[in-house]
Structures are given as C-alpha cells and as structure tokens.
Amino acid sequence: MFDNLTDRLSRTLRNISGRGRLTEDNIKDTLREVRMALLEADVALPVVRDFISRVKESAVGHEVNKSLTPGQEFVKIVRNELVAAMGEENQTLDLAAQPPAVVLMAGLQGAGKTTSVGKLGKFLREKHKKKVLVVSADVYRPAAIKQLETLAEQVGVDFFRLTSARSRWISSTRR
C-alpha cells in the first residue's frame, strides 16, 4: 500500500504549484490520487473519506515552510496524518496467553505477509525467547509454501508442512 501511495504521490506532487500557502485548488489532484491509492489497497471507504478530510483540513491554508516545496510540505502533512491514523505508539503482542499463542497473518497476494511472518518470528525468537512455529495455509500456491519454509529456515524458526492438501469433508446428517 505504501509503495503504491508513494508512486502516486511522486507523480502528482510535481503539479502542486504556488508558493507560500497550500490551497484546495492546488492539492485536489493529489488528494484524488491519495484517495485512489488507499481504495486500491482495500482501505474501507469511510476510513478513506475521513483520512482525506483530515488531510484536506490540515493542508488547505497551510503555510509552506520556506525550505520546502509545496509538494514536500504536502507529503509531510500526509505522513503526519498517516501516523495519527495508524497510531503513534507501538502496540505489543499479548504473549501472556495460554500457549500456544496463535497469530494469524492474512492479506492480499504481494502485501508482505511472508516477510512480516519472518520478521515477527525472528523477533519473537530472539527478543522474547519464544519457540516459533510457522505454517502456510496457502494450498493453491506451492511456491508460497516453499518461500515460507525457506524464510523460516533463514530466521531460525520451525516450519510445519502439511503432508496432504486434499479436501476434508465434514459429514452431516440431514433430517
């Protein structure tokens, strides 16, 4: 999501013109690109509307720092609003749960789940001295399973491989 947002912002920031103050007119195209990037990243429409509203409120009439271009000033505003929306403080995992503590990673293809699992596994093993087991539930892409297995080996966590991906039918009685 952030790469897509960065690409879109880079393309449209050149169009923010003027000096001294950001105006509704000179940021409207860039706001549209931010909106589209967030929607394409599957951010919920009400969240996008609220975010765009807050960015617009912060940006319109905002005086541009003399050492920055209007585009750079706008990026700073978007960044600050993203930080505010996502939370400024780090959140911790509740590792006090009765073992095993289960963490489910879900998301779109290419969103960074495998990399995040590797980083999280390494973090939990090294910093919290936890025994970590990763399991791939992707039965449709064998390469994804292999990628996770390789990553688990690299970061020193255990990997569980399903021996069969056959469907299991749950029997039911009809009355």
Protein backbone atom coordinates (compact mmCIF):
# COMPACT_ATOMS: atom_id res chain seq x y z
CA MET A 1 0.00 0.00 0.00
CA PHE A 2 2.74 2.47 0.94
CA ASP A 3 4.74 1.82 -2.24
CA ASN A 4 1.64 2.46 -4.36
CA LEU A 5 0.89 5.62 -2.40
CA THR A 6 4.48 6.80 -2.79
CA ASP A 7 4.41 6.23 -6.56
CA ARG A 8 1.12 8.07 -6.97
CA LEU A 9 2.23 10.98 -4.80
CA SER A 10 5.51 11.32 -6.66
CA ARG A 11 3.68 11.61 -9.98
CA THR A 12 1.20 14.21 -8.81
CA LEU A 13 3.33 16.31 -6.45
CA ARG A 14 5.01 17.97 -9.41
CA ASN A 15 1.63 19.54 -10.15
CA ILE A 16 1.33 21.28 -6.79
CA SER A 17 2.29 24.80 -7.64
CA GLY A 18 2.31 28.13 -5.95
CA ARG A 19 4.28 29.40 -3.05
CA GLY A 20 3.51 30.42 0.45
CA ARG A 21 0.26 28.57 1.06
CA LEU A 22 -1.41 25.30 0.05
CA THR A 23 -4.83 25.80 -1.49
CA GLU A 24 -7.75 23.50 -2.16
CA ASP A 25 -7.20 24.03 -5.88
CA ASN A 26 -3.51 23.09 -5.95
CA ILE A 27 -3.93 19.89 -3.88
CA LYS A 28 -7.18 18.48 -5.32
CA ASP A 29 -5.49 16.20 -7.92
CA THR A 30 -3.03 14.89 -5.35
CA LEU A 31 -5.84 14.25 -2.85
CA ARG A 32 -7.63 12.28 -5.56
CA GLU A 33 -4.51 10.14 -6.12
CA VAL A 34 -4.17 9.51 -2.37
CA ARG A 35 -7.86 8.53 -2.25
CA MET A 36 -7.47 6.13 -5.20
CA ALA A 37 -4.29 4.56 -3.78
CA LEU A 38 -5.97 3.90 -0.43
CA LEU A 39 -9.09 2.44 -2.06
CA GLU A 40 -6.97 0.20 -4.31
CA ALA A 41 -5.19 -1.02 -1.16
CA ASP A 42 -8.61 -2.12 0.17
CA VAL A 43 -8.84 0.56 2.83
CA ALA A 44 -12.51 0.93 3.79
CA LEU A 45 -14.32 3.83 2.10
CA PRO A 46 -15.39 5.52 5.38
CA VAL A 47 -11.77 5.40 6.59
CA VAL A 48 -10.55 6.88 3.29
CA ARG A 49 -13.14 9.66 3.39
CA ASP A 50 -12.21 10.54 6.97
CA PHE A 51 -8.49 10.45 6.18
CA ILE A 52 -8.84 12.64 3.07
CA SER A 53 -11.00 15.08 5.04
CA ARG A 54 -8.36 15.36 7.77
CA VAL A 55 -5.53 15.82 5.24
CA LYS A 56 -7.52 18.47 3.40
CA GLU A 57 -8.35 20.27 6.65
CA SER A 58 -4.68 20.25 7.67
CA ALA A 59 -3.37 21.25 4.25
CA VAL A 60 -5.69 23.98 2.99
CA GLY A 61 -4.32 27.34 4.06
CA HIS A 62 -1.19 25.72 5.49
CA GLU A 63 1.82 27.97 5.03
CA VAL A 64 4.68 26.31 3.17
CA ASN A 65 7.98 26.28 5.02
CA LYS A 66 10.49 28.39 3.08
CA SER A 67 12.96 25.49 2.88
CA LEU A 68 10.35 23.14 1.36
CA THR A 69 8.42 22.99 -1.89
CA PRO A 70 4.61 22.86 -1.70
CA GLY A 71 4.81 19.17 -2.68
CA GLN A 72 7.22 18.38 0.14
CA GLU A 73 5.02 20.23 2.61
CA PHE A 74 2.01 18.22 1.43
CA VAL A 75 3.91 14.93 1.84
CA LYS A 76 4.75 15.96 5.40
CA ILE A 77 1.05 16.57 6.11
CA VAL A 78 0.02 13.20 4.59
CA ARG A 79 2.72 11.42 6.59
CA ASN A 80 1.63 13.07 9.84
CA GLU A 81 -2.00 12.11 9.20
CA LEU A 82 -0.99 8.50 8.36
CA VAL A 83 0.94 8.28 11.62
CA ALA A 84 -2.03 9.70 13.53
CA ALA A 85 -4.44 7.28 11.80
CA MET A 86 -2.32 4.20 12.40
CA GLY A 87 -1.33 5.09 15.94
CA GLU A 88 1.72 6.92 17.13
CA GLU A 89 2.66 4.39 19.78
CA ASN A 90 3.95 0.88 19.28
CA GLN A 91 1.50 -1.84 20.20
CA THR A 92 2.68 -5.02 21.87
CA LEU A 93 1.53 -8.57 21.31
CA ASP A 94 -0.18 -10.28 24.23
CA LEU A 95 2.25 -13.14 24.73
CA ALA A 96 0.78 -13.97 28.14
CA ALA A 97 -1.99 -16.01 26.51
CA GLN A 98 -2.13 -19.68 27.39
CA PRO A 99 0.22 -21.47 24.99
CA PRO A 100 0.13 -21.80 22.16
CA ALA A 101 -0.40 -18.13 21.33
CA VAL A 102 -1.65 -18.05 17.74
CA VAL A 103 -1.04 -15.18 15.34
CA LEU A 104 -2.88 -15.30 12.00
CA MET A 105 -1.49 -13.27 9.12
CA ALA A 106 -3.98 -12.64 6.32
CA GLY A 107 -3.92 -10.30 3.34
CA LEU A 108 -3.74 -9.91 -0.39
CA GLN A 109 -1.02 -11.52 -2.50
CA GLY A 110 2.08 -9.35 -2.54
CA ALA A 111 1.10 -7.42 0.59
CA GLY A 112 4.16 -8.57 2.56
CA LYS A 113 2.73 -11.31 4.77
CA THR A 114 5.60 -13.76 4.29
CA THR A 115 8.25 -11.13 5.00
CA SER A 116 6.32 -9.94 8.05
CA VAL A 117 5.99 -13.51 9.35
CA GLY A 118 9.75 -13.93 9.03
CA LYS A 119 10.48 -10.68 10.85
CA LEU A 120 7.94 -11.41 13.57
CA GLY A 121 9.22 -14.96 14.02
CA LYS A 122 12.81 -13.79 14.35
CA PHE A 123 11.76 -11.02 16.76
CA LEU A 124 9.80 -13.41 18.99
CA ARG A 125 12.61 -15.98 18.98
CA GLU A 126 15.42 -13.52 19.70
CA LYS A 127 13.84 -10.85 21.89
CA HIS A 128 11.17 -12.84 23.73
CA LYS A 129 12.88 -16.26 23.71
CA LYS A 130 9.75 -17.88 22.26
CA LYS A 131 9.59 -21.10 20.29
CA VAL A 132 8.00 -20.16 16.97
CA LEU A 133 6.26 -22.47 14.51
CA VAL A 134 5.07 -21.13 11.15
CA VAL A 135 2.52 -22.86 8.95
CA SER A 136 1.43 -21.94 5.44
CA ALA A 137 -2.28 -22.29 4.78
CA ASP A 138 -1.91 -21.49 1.07
CA VAL A 139 -2.87 -24.76 -0.60
CA TYR A 140 -3.14 -23.17 -4.04
CA ARG A 141 0.42 -21.86 -4.45
CA PRO A 142 3.14 -24.42 -3.66
CA ALA A 143 5.83 -21.80 -4.32
CA ALA A 144 4.42 -19.69 -1.48
CA ILE A 145 4.75 -22.64 0.88
CA LYS A 146 8.35 -23.20 -0.20
CA GLN A 147 9.10 -19.48 0.19
CA LEU A 148 7.82 -19.51 3.78
CA GLU A 149 9.77 -22.69 4.53
CA THR A 150 12.98 -21.12 3.21
CA LEU A 151 12.40 -17.94 5.19
CA ALA A 152 11.66 -19.89 8.37
CA GLU A 153 14.95 -21.73 7.95
CA GLN A 154 16.83 -18.45 7.39
CA VAL A 155 15.49 -16.81 10.56
CA GLY A 156 15.76 -19.95 12.68
CA VAL A 157 12.12 -20.77 13.39
CA ASP A 158 10.30 -24.07 12.94
CA PHE A 159 8.13 -24.76 9.91
CA PHE A 160 5.24 -27.21 9.65
CA ARG A 161 4.44 -28.68 6.24
CA LEU A 162 1.09 -30.26 5.52
CA THR A 163 1.58 -33.68 4.00
CA SER A 164 -1.69 -33.55 2.12
CA ALA A 165 -3.78 -30.69 0.82
CA ARG A 166 -6.79 -32.86 -0.01
CA SER A 167 -10.18 -31.51 0.91
CA ARG A 168 -11.67 -32.93 4.04
CA TRP A 169 -15.41 -33.33 4.00
CA ILE A 170 -17.40 -32.88 7.15
CA SER A 171 -20.21 -35.37 7.23
CA SER A 172 -23.60 -34.12 8.18
CA THR A 173 -26.92 -35.80 8.63
CA ARG A 174 -29.96 -34.35 7.01
CA ARG A 175 -33.25 -34.75 8.71
